Amino acid sequence: MTLVLVEVERNIRNVARINKLMEKIVYFNSVVESELAKNILKENGIISLVQKRGIEFAGDMGDSYGADLFVEAKDADEAKKILDDYMK
C-alpha cells in the first residue's frame, strides 16, 4: 500500500473515532483560525480538537485544506456561543 493510501486510511479511522466521542461545531478555511478558536475555548474551560482536512505532503504548509473543530457533545452549545461572541 502506498504511503498516501496509508495516510488516508489513518485519517478516516481518526475521524470515525472523533465522531463517536465529539461533535463538529465549525469548519475553518484556515488551520491557523481553527487553532485560535481552540485556544479561545481552552481559555473558557472547553477542551476541543482540530482535525485538519486533506493530506499533508512534504513541503506543504499545512493550511491548504482547512480544518474542523470538535468539542464534546455536552459542550457544543456553549462552545458555539463563546466562538460567536469572539467572532462578532
PDB file of N, CA and C in Angstrom:
ATOM      1  N   MET A   1       0.857  -1.179   0.000  1.00  0.00           N
ATOM      2  CA  MET A   1       0.000   0.000   0.000  1.00  0.00           C
ATOM      3  C   MET A   1       0.900   1.238   0.000  1.00  0.00           C
ATOM      4  N   THR A   2       0.561   2.210  -0.790  1.00  0.00           N
ATOM      5  CA  THR A   2       1.397   3.406  -0.869  1.00  0.00           C
ATOM      6  C   THR A   2       1.247   4.242   0.385  1.00  0.00           C
ATOM      7  N   LEU A   3       2.201   5.097   0.602  1.00  0.00           N
ATOM      8  CA  LEU A   3       2.209   5.967   1.773  1.00  0.00           C
ATOM      9  C   LEU A   3       0.969   6.852   1.812  1.00  0.00           C
ATOM     10  N   VAL A   4       0.540   7.349   0.661  1.00  0.00           N
ATOM     11  CA  VAL A   4      -0.640   8.228   0.609  1.00  0.00           C
ATOM     12  C   VAL A   4      -1.876   7.473   1.062  1.00  0.00           C
ATOM     13  N   LEU A   5      -2.056   6.237   0.601  1.00  0.00           N
ATOM     14  CA  LEU A   5      -3.226   5.446   0.996  1.00  0.00           C
ATOM     15  C   LEU A   5      -3.206   5.118   2.483  1.00  0.00           C
ATOM     16  N   VAL A   6      -2.029   4.855   3.033  1.00  0.00           N
ATOM     17  CA  VAL A   6      -1.903   4.607   4.472  1.00  0.00           C
ATOM     18  C   VAL A   6      -2.341   5.847   5.245  1.00  0.00           C
ATOM     19  N   GLU A   7      -1.911   7.014   4.794  1.00  0.00           N
ATOM     20  CA  GLU A   7      -2.286   8.275   5.442  1.00  0.00           C
ATOM     21  C   GLU A   7      -3.796   8.494   5.358  1.00  0.00           C
ATOM     22  N   VAL A   8      -4.387   8.239   4.209  1.00  0.00           N
ATOM     23  CA  VAL A   8      -5.835   8.398   4.040  1.00  0.00           C
ATOM     24  C   VAL A   8      -6.576   7.457   4.976  1.00  0.00           C
ATOM     25  N   GLU A   9      -6.162   6.210   5.034  1.00  0.00           N
ATOM     26  CA  GLU A   9      -6.814   5.226   5.905  1.00  0.00           C
ATOM     27  C   GLU A   9      -6.712   5.651   7.368  1.00  0.00           C
ATOM     28  N   ARG A  10      -5.552   6.140   7.770  1.00  0.00           N
ATOM     29  CA  ARG A  10      -5.362   6.582   9.154  1.00  0.00           C
ATOM     30  C   ARG A  10      -6.269   7.779   9.462  1.00  0.00           C
ATOM     31  N   ASN A  11      -6.382   8.722   8.530  1.00  0.00           N
ATOM     32  CA  ASN A  11      -7.254   9.874   8.729  1.00  0.00           C
ATOM     33  C   ASN A  11      -8.712   9.452   8.849  1.00  0.00           C
ATOM     34  N   ILE A  12      -9.133   8.501   8.036  1.00  0.00           N
ATOM     35  CA  ILE A  12     -10.518   8.018   8.105  1.00  0.00           C
ATOM     36  C   ILE A  12     -10.791   7.374   9.461  1.00  0.00           C
ATOM     37  N   ARG A  13      -9.880   6.567   9.946  1.00  0.00           N
ATOM     38  CA  ARG A  13     -10.058   5.944  11.276  1.00  0.00           C
ATOM     39  C   ARG A  13     -10.115   7.003  12.370  1.00  0.00           C
ATOM     40  N   ASN A  14      -9.235   8.000  12.294  1.00  0.00           N
ATOM     41  CA  ASN A  14      -9.232   9.064  13.302  1.00  0.00           C
ATOM     42  C   ASN A  14     -10.541   9.833  13.299  1.00  0.00           C
ATOM     43  N   VAL A  15     -11.043  10.185  12.125  1.00  0.00           N
ATOM     44  CA  VAL A  15     -12.298  10.925  12.042  1.00  0.00           C
ATOM     45  C   VAL A  15     -13.449  10.092  12.584  1.00  0.00           C
ATOM     46  N   ALA A  16     -13.477   8.809  12.263  1.00  0.00           N
ATOM     47  CA  ALA A  16     -14.540   7.931  12.766  1.00  0.00           C
ATOM     48  C   ALA A  16     -14.511   7.879  14.291  1.00  0.00           C
ATOM     49  N   ARG A  17     -13.332   7.795  14.879  1.00  0.00           N
ATOM     50  CA  ARG A  17     -13.204   7.746  16.340  1.00  0.00           C
ATOM     51  C   ARG A  17     -13.641   9.077  16.950  1.00  0.00           C
ATOM     52  N   ILE A  18     -13.260  10.181  16.348  1.00  0.00           N
ATOM     53  CA  ILE A  18     -13.646  11.503  16.836  1.00  0.00           C
ATOM     54  C   ILE A  18     -15.153  11.667  16.785  1.00  0.00           C
ATOM     55  N   ASN A  19     -15.776  11.250  15.680  1.00  0.00           N
ATOM     56  CA  ASN A  19     -17.211  11.434  15.513  1.00  0.00           C
ATOM     57  C   ASN A  19     -18.026  10.676  16.550  1.00  0.00           C
ATOM     58  N   LYS A  20     -17.485   9.594  17.104  1.00  0.00           N
ATOM     59  CA  LYS A  20     -18.187   8.849  18.139  1.00  0.00           C
ATOM     60  C   LYS A  20     -18.183   9.598  19.474  1.00  0.00           C
ATOM     61  N   LEU A  21     -17.138  10.356  19.726  1.00  0.00           N
ATOM     62  CA  LEU A  21     -16.961  10.999  21.024  1.00  0.00           C
ATOM     63  C   LEU A  21     -17.253  12.493  21.021  1.00  0.00           C
ATOM     64  N   MET A  22     -17.090  13.116  19.884  1.00  0.00           N
ATOM     65  CA  MET A  22     -17.153  14.563  19.833  1.00  0.00           C
ATOM     66  C   MET A  22     -18.061  15.026  18.700  1.00  0.00           C
ATOM     67  N   GLU A  23     -18.424  16.292  18.781  1.00  0.00           N
ATOM     68  CA  GLU A  23     -19.300  16.888  17.775  1.00  0.00           C
ATOM     69  C   GLU A  23     -18.562  18.004  17.054  1.00  0.00           C
ATOM     70  N   LYS A  24     -18.652  17.999  15.738  1.00  0.00           N
ATOM     71  CA  LYS A  24     -18.041  19.078  14.964  1.00  0.00           C
ATOM     72  C   LYS A  24     -18.912  20.313  15.119  1.00  0.00           C
ATOM     73  N   ILE A  25     -18.295  21.427  15.497  1.00  0.00           N
ATOM     74  CA  ILE A  25     -19.077  22.650  15.679  1.00  0.00           C
ATOM     75  C   ILE A  25     -18.840  23.680  14.595  1.00  0.00           C
ATOM     76  N   VAL A  26     -17.687  23.604  13.926  1.00  0.00           N
ATOM     77  CA  VAL A  26     -17.416  24.599  12.886  1.00  0.00           C
ATOM     78  C   VAL A  26     -16.281  24.121  11.983  1.00  0.00           C
ATOM     79  N   TYR A  27     -16.351  24.551  10.716  1.00  0.00           N
ATOM     80  CA  TYR A  27     -15.266  24.326   9.757  1.00  0.00           C
ATOM     81  C   TYR A  27     -14.582  25.662   9.515  1.00  0.00           C
ATOM     82  N   PHE A  28     -13.257  25.652   9.513  1.00  0.00           N
ATOM     83  CA  PHE A  28     -12.478  26.847   9.213  1.00  0.00           C
ATOM     84  C   PHE A  28     -11.717  26.628   7.912  1.00  0.00           C
ATOM     85  N   ASN A  29     -11.629  27.658   7.103  1.00  0.00           N
ATOM     86  CA  ASN A  29     -10.841  27.588   5.871  1.00  0.00           C
ATOM     87  C   ASN A  29      -9.357  27.523   6.164  1.00  0.00           C
ATOM     88  N   SER A  30      -8.977  27.948   7.360  1.00  0.00           N
ATOM     89  CA  SER A  30      -7.577  28.028   7.732  1.00  0.00           C
ATOM     90  C   SER A  30      -7.321  27.221   9.006  1.00  0.00           C
ATOM     91  N   VAL A  31      -6.248  26.435   9.003  1.00  0.00           N
ATOM     92  CA  VAL A  31      -5.850  25.697  10.190  1.00  0.00           C
ATOM     93  C   VAL A  31      -5.480  26.671  11.306  1.00  0.00           C
ATOM     94  N   VAL A  32      -4.871  27.784  10.934  1.00  0.00           N
ATOM     95  CA  VAL A  32      -4.481  28.793  11.924  1.00  0.00           C
ATOM     96  C   VAL A  32      -5.716  29.318  12.663  1.00  0.00           C
ATOM     97  N   GLU A  33      -6.790  29.614  11.916  1.00  0.00           N
ATOM     98  CA  GLU A  33      -8.027  30.074  12.546  1.00  0.00           C
ATOM     99  C   GLU A  33      -8.597  29.022  13.493  1.00  0.00           C
ATOM    100  N   SER A  34      -8.537  27.773  13.082  1.00  0.00           N
ATOM    101  CA  SER A  34      -9.072  26.715  13.934  1.00  0.00           C
ATOM    102  C   SER A  34      -8.261  26.589  15.223  1.00  0.00           C
ATOM    103  N   GLU A  35      -6.963  26.759  15.133  1.00  0.00           N
ATOM    104  CA  GLU A  35      -6.115  26.704  16.332  1.00  0.00           C
ATOM    105  C   GLU A  35      -6.399  27.887  17.266  1.00  0.00           C
ATOM    106  N   LEU A  36      -6.647  29.062  16.690  1.00  0.00           N
ATOM    107  CA  LEU A  36      -7.013  30.216  17.516  1.00  0.00           C
ATOM    108  C   LEU A  36      -8.324  29.952  18.247  1.00  0.00           C
ATOM    109  N   ALA A  37      -9.309  29.390  17.537  1.00  0.00           N
ATOM    110  CA  ALA A  37     -10.594  29.060  18.162  1.00  0.00           C
ATOM    111  C   ALA A  37     -10.400  28.025  19.267  1.00  0.00           C
ATOM    112  N   LYS A  38      -9.548  27.063  19.026  1.00  0.00           N
ATOM    113  CA  LYS A  38      -9.253  26.036  20.036  1.00  0.00           C
ATOM    114  C   LYS A  38      -8.698  26.682  21.302  1.00  0.00           C
ATOM    115  N   ASN A  39      -7.796  27.660  21.135  1.00  0.00           N
ATOM    116  CA  ASN A  39      -7.223  28.348  22.292  1.00  0.00           C
ATOM    117  C   ASN A  39      -8.267  29.187  23.031  1.00  0.00           C
ATOM    118  N   ILE A  40      -9.182  29.810  22.290  1.00  0.00           N
ATOM    119  CA  ILE A  40     -10.267  30.580  22.924  1.00  0.00           C
ATOM    120  C   ILE A  40     -11.117  29.655  23.780  1.00  0.00           C
ATOM    121  N   LEU A  41     -11.464  28.502  23.240  1.00  0.00           N
ATOM    122  CA  LEU A  41     -12.268  27.553  24.005  1.00  0.00           C
ATOM    123  C   LEU A  41     -11.507  27.043  25.223  1.00  0.00           C
ATOM    124  N   LYS A  42     -10.219  26.780  25.066  1.00  0.00           N
ATOM    125  CA  LYS A  42      -9.404  26.313  26.192  1.00  0.00           C
ATOM    126  C   LYS A  42      -9.403  27.343  27.316  1.00  0.00           C
ATOM    127  N   GLU A  43      -9.281  28.627  26.960  1.00  0.00           N
ATOM    128  CA  GLU A  43      -9.316  29.697  27.967  1.00  0.00           C
ATOM    129  C   GLU A  43     -10.649  29.735  28.709  1.00  0.00           C
ATOM    130  N   ASN A  44     -11.688  29.206  28.085  1.00  0.00           N
ATOM    131  CA  ASN A  44     -13.010  29.174  28.687  1.00  0.00           C
ATOM    132  C   ASN A  44     -13.359  27.799  29.258  1.00  0.00           C
ATOM    133  N   GLY A  45     -12.363  26.937  29.405  1.00  0.00           N
ATOM    134  CA  GLY A  45     -12.544  25.650  30.056  1.00  0.00           C
ATOM    135  C   GLY A  45     -13.152  24.552  29.204  1.00  0.00           C
ATOM    136  N   ILE A  46     -13.117  24.709  27.883  1.00  0.00           N
ATOM    137  CA  ILE A  46     -13.676  23.697  26.992  1.00  0.00           C
ATOM    138  C   ILE A  46     -12.551  23.069  26.181  1.00  0.00           C
ATOM    139  N   ILE A  47     -12.462  21.764  26.256  1.00  0.00           N
ATOM    140  CA  ILE A  47     -11.458  21.025  25.506  1.00  0.00           C
ATOM    141  C   ILE A  47     -11.978  20.813  24.091  1.00  0.00           C
ATOM    142  N   SER A  48     -11.121  21.076  23.116  1.00  0.00           N
ATOM    143  CA  SER A  48     -11.525  20.898  21.723  1.00  0.00           C
ATOM    144  C   SER A  48     -10.398  20.218  20.952  1.00  0.00           C
ATOM    145  N   LEU A  49     -10.728  19.807  19.745  1.00  0.00           N
ATOM    146  CA  LEU A  49      -9.791  19.102  18.905  1.00  0.00           C
ATOM    147  C   LEU A  49      -9.888  19.629  17.492  1.00  0.00           C
ATOM    148  N   VAL A  50      -8.737  19.877  16.872  1.00  0.00           N
ATOM    149  CA  VAL A  50      -8.684  20.322  15.484  1.00  0.00           C
ATOM    150  C   VAL A  50      -8.340  19.125  14.616  1.00  0.00           C
ATOM    151  N   GLN A  51      -9.179  18.876  13.612  1.00  0.00           N
ATOM    152  CA  GLN A  51      -8.908  17.812  12.637  1.00  0.00           C
ATOM    153  C   GLN A  51      -8.666  18.468  11.292  1.00  0.00           C
ATOM    154  N   LYS A  52      -7.410  18.440  10.837  1.00  0.00           N
ATOM    155  CA  LYS A  52      -7.079  19.021   9.534  1.00  0.00           C
ATOM    156  C   LYS A  52      -7.744  18.206   8.430  1.00  0.00           C
ATOM    157  N   ARG A  53      -8.141  18.882   7.371  1.00  0.00           N
ATOM    158  CA  ARG A  53      -8.700  18.199   6.204  1.00  0.00           C
ATOM    159  C   ARG A  53      -7.605  17.979   5.180  1.00  0.00           C
ATOM    160  N   GLY A  54      -7.780  16.988   4.343  1.00  0.00           N
ATOM    161  CA  GLY A  54      -6.823  16.731   3.275  1.00  0.00           C
ATOM    162  C   GLY A  54      -5.638  15.924   3.752  1.00  0.00           C
ATOM    163  N   ILE A  55      -4.684  15.812   2.886  1.00  0.00           N
ATOM    164  CA  ILE A  55      -3.471  15.036   3.154  1.00  0.00           C
ATOM    165  C   ILE A  55      -2.291  15.983   3.077  1.00  0.00           C
ATOM    166  N   GLU A  56      -1.415  15.895   4.057  1.00  0.00           N
ATOM    167  CA  GLU A  56      -0.229  16.743   4.053  1.00  0.00           C
ATOM    168  C   GLU A  56       0.886  16.054   3.268  1.00  0.00           C
ATOM    169  N   PHE A  57       1.524  16.807   2.419  1.00  0.00           N
ATOM    170  CA  PHE A  57       2.649  16.308   1.646  1.00  0.00           C
ATOM    171  C   PHE A  57       3.909  17.046   2.075  1.00  0.00           C
ATOM    172  N   ALA A  58       5.040  16.452   1.795  1.00  0.00           N
ATOM    173  CA  ALA A  58       6.318  17.112   2.096  1.00  0.00           C
ATOM    174  C   ALA A  58       6.344  18.472   1.422  1.00  0.00           C
ATOM    175  N   GLY A  59       6.681  19.490   2.183  1.00  0.00           N
ATOM    176  CA  GLY A  59       6.733  20.848   1.647  1.00  0.00           C
ATOM    177  C   GLY A  59       5.413  21.586   1.722  1.00  0.00           C
ATOM    178  N   ASP A  60       4.326  20.886   2.070  1.00  0.00           N
ATOM    179  CA  ASP A  60       3.014  21.517   2.214  1.00  0.00           C
ATOM    180  C   ASP A  60       3.033  22.359   3.484  1.00  0.00           C
ATOM    181  N   MET A  61       2.519  23.562   3.385  1.00  0.00           N
ATOM    182  CA  MET A  61       2.496  24.457   4.541  1.00  0.00           C
ATOM    183  C   MET A  61       1.415  24.056   5.547  1.00  0.00           C
ATOM    184  N   GLY A  62       0.574  23.063   5.213  1.00  0.00           N
ATOM    185  CA  GLY A  62      -0.395  22.540   6.158  1.00  0.00           C
ATOM    186  C   GLY A  62      -1.659  23.354   6.291  1.00  0.00           C
ATOM    187  N   ASP A  63      -1.860  24.348   5.456  1.00  0.00           N
ATOM    188  CA  ASP A  63      -3.024  25.209   5.609  1.00  0.00           C
ATOM    189  C   ASP A  63      -3.840  25.277   4.316  1.00  0.00           C
ATOM    190  N   SER A  64      -3.707  24.253   3.496  1.00  0.00           N
ATOM    191  CA  SER A  64      -4.351  24.273   2.190  1.00  0.00           C
ATOM    192  C   SER A  64      -5.787  23.769   2.203  1.00  0.00           C
ATOM    193  N   TYR A  65      -6.158  23.024   3.210  1.00  0.00           N
ATOM    194  CA  TYR A  65      -7.422  22.314   3.174  1.00  0.00           C
ATOM    195  C   TYR A  65      -8.405  22.733   4.259  1.00  0.00           C
ATOM    196  N   GLY A  66      -7.987  23.543   5.191  1.00  0.00           N
ATOM    197  CA  GLY A  66      -8.850  23.929   6.287  1.00  0.00           C
ATOM    198  C   GLY A  66      -8.882  22.872   7.368  1.00  0.00           C
ATOM    199  N   ALA A  67      -9.789  23.074   8.334  1.00  0.00           N
ATOM    200  CA  ALA A  67      -9.863  22.153   9.470  1.00  0.00           C
ATOM    201  C   ALA A  67     -11.234  22.236  10.121  1.00  0.00           C
ATOM    202  N   ASP A  68     -11.617  21.120  10.744  1.00  0.00           N
ATOM    203  CA  ASP A  68     -12.841  21.056  11.528  1.00  0.00           C
ATOM    204  C   ASP A  68     -12.480  21.183  12.998  1.00  0.00           C
ATOM    205  N   LEU A  69     -13.360  21.826  13.755  1.00  0.00           N
ATOM    206  CA  LEU A  69     -13.162  21.966  15.197  1.00  0.00           C
ATOM    207  C   LEU A  69     -14.223  21.140  15.902  1.00  0.00           C
ATOM    208  N   PHE A  70     -13.779  20.235  16.773  1.00  0.00           N
ATOM    209  CA  PHE A  70     -14.661  19.336  17.503  1.00  0.00           C
ATOM    210  C   PHE A  70     -14.615  19.647  18.997  1.00  0.00           C
ATOM    211  N   VAL A  71     -15.749  19.463  19.665  1.00  0.00           N
ATOM    212  CA  VAL A  71     -15.833  19.522  21.129  1.00  0.00           C
ATOM    213  C   VAL A  71     -16.692  18.353  21.585  1.00  0.00           C
ATOM    214  N   GLU A  72     -16.655  18.057  22.885  1.00  0.00           N
ATOM    215  CA  GLU A  72     -17.552  17.045  23.411  1.00  0.00           C
ATOM    216  C   GLU A  72     -18.986  17.526  23.199  1.00  0.00           C
ATOM    217  N   ALA A  73     -19.870  16.591  22.909  1.00  0.00           N
ATOM    218  CA  ALA A  73     -21.258  16.941  22.590  1.00  0.00           C
ATOM    219  C   ALA A  73     -21.903  17.777  23.695  1.00  0.00           C
ATOM    220  N   LYS A  74     -21.577  17.489  24.947  1.00  0.00           N
ATOM    221  CA  LYS A  74     -22.173  18.224  26.068  1.00  0.00           C
ATOM    222  C   LYS A  74     -21.745  19.691  26.092  1.00  0.00           C
ATOM    223  N   ASP A  75     -20.622  20.022  25.454  1.00  0.00           N
ATOM    224  CA  ASP A  75     -20.100  21.389  25.444  1.00  0.00           C
ATOM    225  C   ASP A  75     -20.403  22.136  24.148  1.00  0.00           C
ATOM    226  N   ALA A  76     -21.066  21.491  23.199  1.00  0.00           N
ATOM    227  CA  ALA A  76     -21.224  22.060  21.857  1.00  0.00           C
ATOM    228  C   ALA A  76     -21.953  23.397  21.863  1.00  0.00           C
ATOM    229  N   ASP A  77     -23.082  23.491  22.545  1.00  0.00           N
ATOM    230  CA  ASP A  77     -23.851  24.737  22.538  1.00  0.00           C
ATOM    231  C   ASP A  77     -23.070  25.882  23.171  1.00  0.00           C
ATOM    232  N   GLU A  78     -22.433  25.605  24.289  1.00  0.00           N
ATOM    233  CA  GLU A  78     -21.641  26.648  24.964  1.00  0.00           C
ATOM    234  C   GLU A  78     -20.450  27.073  24.107  1.00  0.00           C
ATOM    235  N   ALA A  79     -19.795  26.121  23.470  1.00  0.00           N
ATOM    236  CA  ALA A  79     -18.638  26.428  22.622  1.00  0.00           C
ATOM    237  C   ALA A  79     -19.052  27.300  21.439  1.00  0.00           C
ATOM    238  N   LYS A  80     -20.174  26.976  20.813  1.00  0.00           N
ATOM    239  CA  LYS A  80     -20.665  27.786  19.695  1.00  0.00           C
ATOM    240  C   LYS A  80     -20.954  29.213  20.143  1.00  0.00           C
ATOM    241  N   LYS A  81     -21.554  29.362  21.318  1.00  0.00           N
ATOM    242  CA  LYS A  81     -21.862  30.701  21.844  1.00  0.00           C
ATOM    243  C   LYS A  81     -20.581  31.492  22.104  1.00  0.00           C
ATOM    244  N   ILE A  82     -19.604  30.844  22.710  1.00  0.00           N
ATOM    245  CA  ILE A  82     -18.328  31.510  23.005  1.00  0.00           C
ATOM    246  C   ILE A  82     -17.666  31.983  21.712  1.00  0.00           C
ATOM    247  N   LEU A  83     -17.602  31.117  20.716  1.00  0.00           N
ATOM    248  CA  LEU A  83     -16.964  31.485  19.460  1.00  0.00           C
ATOM    249  C   LEU A  83     -17.756  32.563  18.723  1.00  0.00           C
ATOM    250  N   ASP A  84     -19.090  32.495  18.783  1.00  0.00           N
ATOM    251  CA  ASP A  84     -19.914  33.539  18.167  1.00  0.00           C
ATOM    252  C   ASP A  84     -19.622  34.901  18.792  1.00  0.00           C
ATOM    253  N   ASP A  85     -19.465  34.914  20.129  1.00  0.00           N
ATOM    254  CA  ASP A  85     -19.170  36.172  20.836  1.00  0.00           C
ATOM    255  C   ASP A  85     -17.818  36.755  20.414  1.00  0.00           C
ATOM    256  N   TYR A  86     -16.817  35.891  20.235  1.00  0.00           N
ATOM    257  CA  TYR A  86     -15.483  36.332  19.844  1.00  0.00           C
ATOM    258  C   TYR A  86     -15.420  36.784  18.387  1.00  0.00           C
ATOM    259  N   MET A  87     -16.248  36.196  17.543  1.00  0.00           N
ATOM    260  CA  MET A  87     -16.167  36.486  16.117  1.00  0.00           C
ATOM    261  C   MET A  87     -17.047  37.648  15.683  1.00  0.00           C
ATOM    262  N   LYS A  88     -17.725  38.275  16.595  1.00  0.00           N
ATOM    263  CA  LYS A  88     -18.561  39.438  16.250  1.00  0.00           C
ATOM    264  C   LYS A  88     -17.711  40.655  16.062  1.00  0.00           C
TER     265      LYS A  88
END
